[in-house]
């Protein structure tokens, strides 16, 4: 889970942990890239808009085949959404979202 907003990061970690997933988190892009290079994650949930490196640029850097990446956004920037799709994001989830929707996306991404 990668998000610069501590509250969002903690909420998503709590939801996924309660559902039985093993979860780690990062609060910024460089830490996320380092963690992804050192670990084999099945699914990454990451905010698009963060200071410094944003979620789309991180997705582009980690290359193919990346883990399944679910990007989150509270902002409807059509260009970044197009770039997310072109960079093979598994899904883009708009904030706010229901925990059941997040869990459904995680389950679908894990099944592929």
Protein backbone atom coordinates (compact mmCIF):
# COMPACT_ATOMS: atom_id res chain seq x y z
CA UNK A 1 0.00 0.00 0.00
CA UNK A 2 1.53 3.29 -1.11
CA UNK A 3 -0.04 6.62 -0.17
CA UNK A 4 1.38 9.82 1.24
CA UNK A 5 -1.75 10.33 3.37
CA UNK A 6 -1.23 8.48 6.63
CA UNK A 7 -4.96 8.09 7.34
CA UNK A 8 -5.66 6.51 3.95
CA UNK A 9 -2.61 4.25 4.25
CA UNK A 10 -3.66 3.05 7.70
CA UNK A 11 -7.27 2.50 6.61
CA UNK A 12 -6.33 0.38 3.60
CA UNK A 13 -3.76 -1.60 5.61
CA UNK A 14 -6.41 -2.26 8.28
CA UNK A 15 -9.01 -3.38 5.70
CA UNK A 16 -6.59 -5.74 3.96
CA UNK A 17 -5.10 -7.11 7.17
CA UNK A 18 -8.56 -7.83 8.57
CA UNK A 19 -9.33 -9.72 5.34
CA UNK A 20 -6.27 -11.92 5.90
CA UNK A 21 -3.79 -10.33 3.52
CA UNK A 22 -0.14 -9.81 4.42
CA UNK A 23 0.40 -6.07 3.87
CA UNK A 24 3.32 -3.66 3.88
CA UNK A 25 3.15 0.06 3.23
CA UNK A 26 5.19 3.01 2.04
CA UNK A 27 4.52 6.72 2.31
CA UNK A 28 6.27 7.84 -0.87
CA UNK A 29 7.36 6.65 -4.28
CA UNK A 30 11.07 6.00 -3.77
CA UNK A 31 10.40 3.80 -0.74
CA UNK A 32 7.77 1.93 -2.77
CA UNK A 33 10.18 1.30 -5.65
CA UNK A 34 12.84 0.04 -3.23
CA UNK A 35 10.36 -2.28 -1.51
CA UNK A 36 9.07 -3.61 -4.85
CA UNK A 37 12.63 -4.34 -5.97
CA UNK A 38 13.30 -6.32 -2.79
CA UNK A 39 9.98 -8.19 -2.50
CA UNK A 40 7.63 -10.11 -4.76
CA UNK A 41 4.22 -8.55 -4.31
CA UNK A 42 1.17 -10.02 -5.99
CA UNK A 43 -0.83 -6.79 -5.81
CA UNK A 44 0.11 -3.18 -5.08
CA UNK A 45 -2.46 -0.53 -4.14
CA UNK A 46 -1.03 2.91 -4.82
CA UNK A 47 -2.21 6.50 -4.92
CA UNK A 48 -1.76 8.28 -8.24
CA UNK A 49 -1.15 11.73 -6.80
CA UNK A 50 1.72 11.98 -4.32
CA UNK A 51 4.52 14.49 -3.78
CA UNK A 52 7.62 13.64 -5.75
CA UNK A 53 7.01 10.43 -7.70
CA UNK A 54 3.37 9.78 -8.52
CA UNK A 55 1.78 6.37 -8.89
CA UNK A 56 1.79 6.37 -12.69
CA UNK A 57 5.52 7.17 -12.94
CA UNK A 58 6.26 4.43 -10.41
CA UNK A 59 4.17 1.96 -12.42
CA UNK A 60 6.07 2.96 -15.56
CA UNK A 61 9.42 2.47 -13.82
CA UNK A 62 8.78 -0.94 -12.35
CA UNK A 63 8.19 -2.24 -15.86
CA UNK A 64 6.67 -5.43 -17.14
CA UNK A 65 5.55 -7.67 -15.75
CA UNK A 66 4.78 -5.60 -12.68
CA UNK A 67 2.74 -6.90 -9.82
CA UNK A 68 -0.93 -6.17 -10.43
CA UNK A 69 -1.26 -2.47 -9.58
CA UNK A 70 -4.49 -0.87 -8.44
CA UNK A 71 -4.16 2.89 -8.57
CA UNK A 72 -6.30 5.17 -6.41
CA UNK A 73 -7.25 8.74 -7.15
CA UNK A 74 -9.29 11.49 -5.62
CA UNK A 75 -8.78 13.64 -8.71
CA UNK A 76 -10.13 13.05 -12.20
CA UNK A 77 -7.13 13.98 -14.34
CA UNK A 78 -8.00 12.32 -17.65
CA UNK A 79 -4.43 12.41 -18.98
CA UNK A 80 -3.02 10.61 -15.91
CA UNK A 81 -5.85 8.08 -16.10
CA UNK A 82 -4.99 7.37 -19.76
CA UNK A 83 -1.34 6.99 -18.80
CA UNK A 84 -2.31 4.60 -15.99
CA UNK A 85 -4.18 2.38 -18.43
CA UNK A 86 -1.36 2.57 -20.98
CA UNK A 87 1.09 1.56 -18.24
CA UNK A 88 -0.93 -1.59 -17.53
CA UNK A 89 -2.61 -0.62 -14.28
CA UNK A 90 -4.94 -3.44 -13.27
CA UNK A 91 -7.58 -0.94 -12.19
CA UNK A 92 -8.11 2.68 -11.18
CA UNK A 93 -10.22 3.15 -8.08
CA UNK A 94 -11.73 6.53 -7.25
CA UNK A 95 -11.63 7.85 -3.70
CA UNK A 96 -13.68 7.58 -1.62
CA UNK A 97 -14.35 3.87 -2.12
CA UNK A 98 -16.13 1.11 -0.24
CA UNK A 99 -14.01 -1.51 1.52
CA UNK A 100 -16.00 -4.21 -0.30
CA UNK A 101 -15.00 -2.71 -3.66
CA UNK A 102 -11.31 -2.63 -2.68
CA UNK A 103 -11.48 -6.26 -1.54
CA UNK A 104 -13.21 -7.29 -4.76
CA UNK A 105 -10.46 -5.66 -6.86
CA UNK A 106 -7.74 -7.29 -4.74
CA UNK A 107 -9.41 -10.67 -5.15
CA UNK A 108 -9.72 -10.22 -8.92
CA UNK A 109 -6.10 -9.08 -9.25
CA UNK A 110 -4.89 -12.00 -7.13
CA UNK A 111 -6.79 -14.48 -9.28
CA UNK A 112 -5.09 -13.43 -12.53
